[in-house]
Amino acid sequence: MTDRIQEMLDRSDLLELVNRYARGLDRCDVDQLKAVFFDDATVNMISFSGSAHAFAETTPAALRVHAVTTSHLTSNCLFEIAGDRATGESYLLSISVMKDGDASKPAIHVGRYLDRFERRNGEWKIACRTIIIDLEVAGSFPAGVHALMPKGDEQRHPDDASYSLRSWLTETRG
């Protein structure tokens, strides 16, 4: 395999990790979040600094308590690869609907993920993620807008429709 093809495959693997992380957060899927990190990985941000697996275990529970729904979007993913190590910078846009008593309020975060990736035993994962928030906007919805929001955990693991869609791939055809 040529070096250029290997580099494209590596970039694809790294982008998949970035996307699976965002999906894991939005679906509150602890297993998916843990799967993008090595066991000894770390996460560093304003409100948390420590084990990535501890982050993966506690963050979904906090989102279930404090957020009606979240949507993490990533873009401008740039990777630099050197053998079995890589760095990445990805822009993030997080749009959340936060619980506020009987009401809900929007919260928007703009920032970046600064990642160190490693390939161990042939598999890429995140070794260290630093989350930088460049902008945070919070406010209130106009009257009536909250009625358009989900009413419960139907967009979260395991009830989100994407999980049944994925199971279709593994069903036997008869």
Foldseek 3Di string as FASTA:
>chain_A
DDPVVVVVVVVVQVVVLVVLCQLCLQQLPLVSQVVQEDQQAWEAEDVDTGTSSVCSVPRSVVCQVWFLGKGKDKDPWDWDDDPFKIKIKIWIWMWTWTDDPPFTKIKIWIWIWIFIWGQDPNHIHTRYIYTDTPDMDIDHDDPPPRVPTDDHSCCHPPNDPVNVVVVVVVDDDD
